[in-house]
Amino acid sequence: MRSEQSNVGSVSAGETAQSAEVPITLRLIGIAMVSGFVGMVALLPVLVGIPALLDLFSTEPIVEFASFGSFLGLEPSLEVGVAMFVMGGTLFLPVQFLVVGAYLPPEEPRYARGVTYALIYWIAFVMVFLPNADAIAVGVFLVVSVLYHIFYGLALAYLIDRWAEIPQHAV
């Protein structure tokens, strides 16, 4: 009996090299955390500055968000809300991106996957922080927050890709 080989499912050497698995190491986690922090801090003037200039910035949603700290026995306050926001942008989101970023579009450039990732979180951000205000305030909120998330995602993924590499997992 003769053995037949099929080209179905075969990949070229270039495709194999590009899809090679990149392990998630402590170094990569550290780079992701620094990247998330840099992206978050660099864009705070957009998220806070523009609404503050237009007299639309309110700390009430941040204090309401801080109520999640009650699971740890913390009273909701502006400080707790800001700390949770910073922890999310520095720890949770970057590490989660390392895990799921490999599965997000587009295939190239890899750092553009950060935009896809950030826009998924933007939807939740809008649901949690959408102001109960007039159309102008809501419009400014939507534009500023989507720009913030797009640029945060770009900064996060670009810096990870520049300083290390966005992990690619074998599926």
C-alpha atoms as a PDB file:
ATOM      1  CA  MET A   1       0.000   0.000   0.000  1.00  0.00           C
ATOM      2  CA  ARG A   2       1.374   3.364  -1.002  1.00  0.00           C
ATOM      3  CA  SER A   3       1.498   6.295   1.405  1.00  0.00           C
ATOM      4  CA  GLU A   4       0.031   9.500   0.015  1.00  0.00           C
ATOM      5  CA  GLN A   5       0.718  12.926   1.408  1.00  0.00           C
ATOM      6  CA  SER A   6      -1.609  15.858   1.163  1.00  0.00           C
ATOM      7  CA  ASN A   7      -0.729  19.539   1.106  1.00  0.00           C
ATOM      8  CA  VAL A   8      -3.884  20.334   3.043  1.00  0.00           C
ATOM      9  CA  GLY A   9      -2.954  21.975   6.313  1.00  0.00           C
ATOM     10  CA  SER A  10       0.698  22.414   5.430  1.00  0.00           C
ATOM     11  CA  VAL A  11       2.345  25.759   6.053  1.00  0.00           C
ATOM     12  CA  SER A  12       5.407  27.414   4.645  1.00  0.00           C
ATOM     13  CA  ALA A  13       8.541  28.000   6.701  1.00  0.00           C
ATOM     14  CA  GLY A  14       7.713  31.715   6.994  1.00  0.00           C
ATOM     15  CA  GLU A  15       4.250  30.996   8.356  1.00  0.00           C
ATOM     16  CA  THR A  16       5.690  28.503  10.826  1.00  0.00           C
ATOM     17  CA  ALA A  17       8.213  31.016  12.115  1.00  0.00           C
ATOM     18  CA  GLN A  18       5.572  33.707  12.493  1.00  0.00           C
ATOM     19  CA  SER A  19       3.114  31.480  14.318  1.00  0.00           C
ATOM     20  CA  ALA A  20       5.753  29.984  16.599  1.00  0.00           C
ATOM     21  CA  GLU A  21       4.633  29.957  20.168  1.00  0.00           C
ATOM     22  CA  VAL A  22       5.969  32.789  22.334  1.00  0.00           C
ATOM     23  CA  PRO A  23       5.912  31.822  26.015  1.00  0.00           C
ATOM     24  CA  ILE A  24       4.447  34.178  28.590  1.00  0.00           C
ATOM     25  CA  THR A  25       7.339  34.776  30.968  1.00  0.00           C
ATOM     26  CA  LEU A  26       7.744  37.028  34.008  1.00  0.00           C
ATOM     27  CA  ARG A  27       9.811  39.359  31.819  1.00  0.00           C
ATOM     28  CA  LEU A  28       6.976  39.586  29.287  1.00  0.00           C
ATOM     29  CA  ILE A  29       4.430  40.208  32.054  1.00  0.00           C
ATOM     30  CA  GLY A  30       6.638  43.005  33.410  1.00  0.00           C
ATOM     31  CA  ILE A  31       6.951  44.546  29.943  1.00  0.00           C
ATOM     32  CA  ALA A  32       3.184  44.339  29.504  1.00  0.00           C
ATOM     33  CA  MET A  33       2.584  46.032  32.858  1.00  0.00           C
ATOM     34  CA  VAL A  34       5.024  48.858  32.046  1.00  0.00           C
ATOM     35  CA  SER A  35       3.418  49.218  28.605  1.00  0.00           C
ATOM     36  CA  GLY A  36      -0.052  49.445  30.136  1.00  0.00           C
ATOM     37  CA  PHE A  37       1.101  52.016  32.681  1.00  0.00           C
ATOM     38  CA  VAL A  38       2.825  54.135  30.019  1.00  0.00           C
ATOM     39  CA  GLY A  39      -0.234  54.012  27.776  1.00  0.00           C
ATOM     40  CA  MET A  40      -2.569  54.901  30.618  1.00  0.00           C
ATOM     41  CA  VAL A  41      -0.507  57.780  32.009  1.00  0.00           C
ATOM     42  CA  ALA A  42       0.285  59.232  28.582  1.00  0.00           C
ATOM     43  CA  LEU A  43      -3.390  59.413  27.734  1.00  0.00           C
ATOM     44  CA  LEU A  44      -4.811  60.665  31.037  1.00  0.00           C
ATOM     45  CA  PRO A  45      -4.825  64.246  29.730  1.00  0.00           C
ATOM     46  CA  VAL A  46      -7.228  63.064  27.018  1.00  0.00           C
ATOM     47  CA  LEU A  47      -9.488  61.150  29.392  1.00  0.00           C
ATOM     48  CA  VAL A  48      -9.513  63.764  32.159  1.00  0.00           C
ATOM     49  CA  GLY A  49      -8.105  66.954  30.631  1.00  0.00           C
ATOM     50  CA  ILE A  50     -10.525  67.504  27.750  1.00  0.00           C
ATOM     51  CA  PRO A  51     -13.669  66.862  29.820  1.00  0.00           C
ATOM     52  CA  ALA A  52     -12.265  69.058  32.627  1.00  0.00           C
ATOM     53  CA  LEU A  53     -11.611  71.910  30.173  1.00  0.00           C
ATOM     54  CA  LEU A  54     -15.199  71.625  28.976  1.00  0.00           C
ATOM     55  CA  ASP A  55     -16.440  71.470  32.590  1.00  0.00           C
ATOM     56  CA  LEU A  56     -17.822  67.972  31.988  1.00  0.00           C
ATOM     57  CA  PHE A  57     -15.545  65.924  34.257  1.00  0.00           C
ATOM     58  CA  SER A  58     -17.215  64.297  37.243  1.00  0.00           C
ATOM     59  CA  THR A  59     -15.665  62.090  39.916  1.00  0.00           C
ATOM     60  CA  GLU A  60     -18.965  60.426  40.872  1.00  0.00           C
ATOM     61  CA  PRO A  61     -18.615  57.498  38.409  1.00  0.00           C
ATOM     62  CA  ILE A  62     -15.107  56.799  39.729  1.00  0.00           C
ATOM     63  CA  VAL A  63     -16.411  56.671  43.303  1.00  0.00           C
ATOM     64  CA  GLU A  64     -19.257  54.379  42.186  1.00  0.00           C
ATOM     65  CA  PHE A  65     -16.697  52.148  40.448  1.00  0.00           C
ATOM     66  CA  ALA A  66     -14.764  52.034  43.734  1.00  0.00           C
ATOM     67  CA  SER A  67     -17.651  50.106  45.283  1.00  0.00           C
ATOM     68  CA  PHE A  68     -15.977  46.982  43.849  1.00  0.00           C
ATOM     69  CA  GLY A  69     -13.336  47.583  46.521  1.00  0.00           C
ATOM     70  CA  SER A  70     -15.915  46.614  49.137  1.00  0.00           C
ATOM     71  CA  PHE A  71     -15.069  42.979  48.308  1.00  0.00           C
ATOM     72  CA  LEU A  72     -11.728  43.749  49.950  1.00  0.00           C
ATOM     73  CA  GLY A  73     -13.298  45.672  52.816  1.00  0.00           C
ATOM     74  CA  LEU A  74     -12.536  49.105  51.337  1.00  0.00           C
ATOM     75  CA  GLU A  75     -14.953  52.003  51.535  1.00  0.00           C
ATOM     76  CA  PRO A  76     -15.765  53.573  48.145  1.00  0.00           C
ATOM     77  CA  SER A  77     -13.793  56.779  47.635  1.00  0.00           C
ATOM     78  CA  LEU A  78     -12.115  58.697  44.844  1.00  0.00           C
ATOM     79  CA  GLU A  79      -8.720  57.363  45.938  1.00  0.00           C
ATOM     80  CA  VAL A  80      -9.892  53.736  45.855  1.00  0.00           C
ATOM     81  CA  GLY A  81     -11.518  54.294  42.445  1.00  0.00           C
ATOM     82  CA  VAL A  82      -8.365  55.814  40.977  1.00  0.00           C
ATOM     83  CA  ALA A  83      -6.238  53.016  42.477  1.00  0.00           C
ATOM     84  CA  MET A  84      -8.538  50.388  40.950  1.00  0.00           C
ATOM     85  CA  PHE A  85      -8.447  52.169  37.588  1.00  0.00           C
ATOM     86  CA  VAL A  86      -4.626  52.263  37.665  1.00  0.00           C
ATOM     87  CA  MET A  87      -4.414  48.604  38.732  1.00  0.00           C
ATOM     88  CA  GLY A  88      -6.740  47.604  35.909  1.00  0.00           C
ATOM     89  CA  GLY A  89      -4.774  49.518  33.275  1.00  0.00           C
ATOM     90  CA  THR A  90      -1.404  48.410  34.620  1.00  0.00           C
ATOM     91  CA  LEU A  91      -1.983  44.842  35.785  1.00  0.00           C
ATOM     92  CA  PHE A  92      -5.236  43.237  34.686  1.00  0.00           C
ATOM     93  CA  LEU A  93      -5.668  44.501  31.115  1.00  0.00           C
ATOM     94  CA  PRO A  94      -2.039  44.063  29.975  1.00  0.00           C
ATOM     95  CA  VAL A  95      -1.737  40.533  31.367  1.00  0.00           C
ATOM     96  CA  GLN A  96      -5.074  39.537  29.876  1.00  0.00           C
ATOM     97  CA  PHE A  97      -3.944  40.970  26.529  1.00  0.00           C
ATOM     98  CA  LEU A  98      -0.917  38.659  26.622  1.00  0.00           C
ATOM     99  CA  VAL A  99      -3.299  35.713  26.775  1.00  0.00           C
ATOM    100  CA  VAL A 100      -6.024  36.760  24.317  1.00  0.00           C
ATOM    101  CA  GLY A 101      -4.099  39.093  21.994  1.00  0.00           C
ATOM    102  CA  ALA A 102      -2.923  36.211  19.823  1.00  0.00           C
ATOM    103  CA  TYR A 103      -6.508  35.399  18.877  1.00  0.00           C
ATOM    104  CA  LEU A 104      -7.605  38.916  17.923  1.00  0.00           C
ATOM    105  CA  PRO A 105      -7.647  40.514  14.492  1.00  0.00           C
ATOM    106  CA  PRO A 106      -5.850  41.845  12.515  1.00  0.00           C
ATOM    107  CA  GLU A 107      -3.116  39.374  11.734  1.00  0.00           C
ATOM    108  CA  GLU A 108      -0.696  42.167  10.748  1.00  0.00           C
ATOM    109  CA  PRO A 109       0.509  44.441  12.168  1.00  0.00           C
ATOM    110  CA  ARG A 110       0.328  42.548  15.427  1.00  0.00           C
ATOM    111  CA  TYR A 111       0.290  45.704  17.567  1.00  0.00           C
ATOM    112  CA  ALA A 112      -3.023  46.724  15.936  1.00  0.00           C
ATOM    113  CA  ARG A 113      -4.610  43.873  17.901  1.00  0.00           C
ATOM    114  CA  GLY A 114      -4.376  46.205  20.883  1.00  0.00           C
ATOM    115  CA  VAL A 115      -7.047  48.405  19.297  1.00  0.00           C
ATOM    116  CA  THR A 116      -9.408  45.451  18.908  1.00  0.00           C
ATOM    117  CA  TYR A 117      -8.763  44.484  22.519  1.00  0.00           C
ATOM    118  CA  ALA A 118      -9.246  48.006  23.865  1.00  0.00           C
ATOM    119  CA  LEU A 119     -12.479  48.532  21.928  1.00  0.00           C
ATOM    120  CA  ILE A 120     -13.963  45.437  23.543  1.00  0.00           C
ATOM    121  CA  TYR A 121     -13.278  47.041  26.918  1.00  0.00           C
ATOM    122  CA  TRP A 122     -14.549  50.398  25.659  1.00  0.00           C
ATOM    123  CA  ILE A 123     -18.023  48.874  25.305  1.00  0.00           C
ATOM    124  CA  ALA A 124     -18.001  47.910  28.991  1.00  0.00           C
ATOM    125  CA  PHE A 125     -16.486  51.296  29.915  1.00  0.00           C
ATOM    126  CA  VAL A 126     -19.375  53.083  28.193  1.00  0.00           C
ATOM    127  CA  MET A 127     -21.956  50.931  29.961  1.00  0.00           C
ATOM    128  CA  VAL A 128     -20.415  51.650  33.363  1.00  0.00           C
ATOM    129  CA  PHE A 129     -19.443  55.314  33.032  1.00  0.00           C
ATOM    130  CA  LEU A 130     -21.935  56.792  30.522  1.00  0.00           C
ATOM    131  CA  PRO A 131     -23.015  60.109  32.033  1.00  0.00           C
ATOM    132  CA  ASN A 132     -26.658  60.908  32.575  1.00  0.00           C
ATOM    133  CA  ALA A 133     -26.321  64.297  30.893  1.00  0.00           C
ATOM    134  CA  ASP A 134     -27.251  66.286  27.805  1.00  0.00           C
ATOM    135  CA  ALA A 135     -26.358  65.205  24.276  1.00  0.00           C
ATOM    136  CA  ILE A 136     -23.193  67.327  24.110  1.00  0.00           C
ATOM    137  CA  ALA A 137     -21.765  65.812  27.295  1.00  0.00           C
ATOM    138  CA  VAL A 138     -22.622  62.287  26.140  1.00  0.00           C
ATOM    139  CA  GLY A 139     -21.099  62.989  22.712  1.00  0.00           C
ATOM    140  CA  VAL A 140     -17.885  64.347  24.238  1.00  0.00           C
ATOM    141  CA  PHE A 141     -17.747  61.343  26.571  1.00  0.00           C
ATOM    142  CA  LEU A 142     -18.152  58.872  23.700  1.00  0.00           C
ATOM    143  CA  VAL A 143     -15.553  60.543  21.458  1.00  0.00           C
ATOM    144  CA  VAL A 144     -12.975  61.112  24.202  1.00  0.00           C
ATOM    145  CA  SER A 145     -13.384  57.644  25.713  1.00  0.00           C
ATOM    146  CA  VAL A 146     -13.161  55.813  22.376  1.00  0.00           C
ATOM    147  CA  LEU A 147     -10.038  57.809  21.445  1.00  0.00           C
ATOM    148  CA  TYR A 148      -8.520  57.022  24.840  1.00  0.00           C
ATOM    149  CA  HIS A 149      -9.185  53.311  24.440  1.00  0.00           C
ATOM    150  CA  ILE A 150      -7.872  53.215  20.859  1.00  0.00           C
ATOM    151  CA  PHE A 151      -4.646  54.963  21.828  1.00  0.00           C
ATOM    152  CA  TYR A 152      -4.277  52.915  25.035  1.00  0.00           C
ATOM    153  CA  GLY A 153      -4.618  49.699  23.020  1.00  0.00           C
ATOM    154  CA  LEU A 154      -2.123  50.926  20.432  1.00  0.00           C
ATOM    155  CA  ALA A 155       0.368  52.003  23.095  1.00  0.00           C
ATOM    156  CA  LEU A 156      -0.007  48.758  25.045  1.00  0.00           C
ATOM    157  CA  ALA A 157       0.422  46.447  22.068  1.00  0.00           C
ATOM    158  CA  TYR A 158       3.031  48.555  20.253  1.00  0.00           C
ATOM    159  CA  LEU A 159       5.313  48.730  23.292  1.00  0.00           C
ATOM    160  CA  ILE A 160       4.912  45.015  24.016  1.00  0.00           C
ATOM    161  CA  ASP A 161       5.662  44.224  20.376  1.00  0.00           C
ATOM    162  CA  ARG A 162       8.642  46.617  20.326  1.00  0.00           C
ATOM    163  CA  TRP A 163      10.217  45.552  23.643  1.00  0.00           C
ATOM    164  CA  ALA A 164       9.371  41.848  23.420  1.00  0.00           C
ATOM    165  CA  GLU A 165       6.759  40.223  21.208  1.00  0.00           C
ATOM    166  CA  ILE A 166       3.017  39.737  21.365  1.00  0.00           C
ATOM    167  CA  PRO A 167       2.581  36.064  22.238  1.00  0.00           C
ATOM    168  CA  GLN A 168       1.272  33.741  19.576  1.00  0.00           C
ATOM    169  CA  HIS A 169      -0.270  30.555  20.927  1.00  0.00           C
ATOM    170  CA  ALA A 170      -0.550  27.247  19.123  1.00  0.00           C
ATOM    171  CA  VAL A 171      -4.206  26.309  18.723  1.00  0.00           C
END
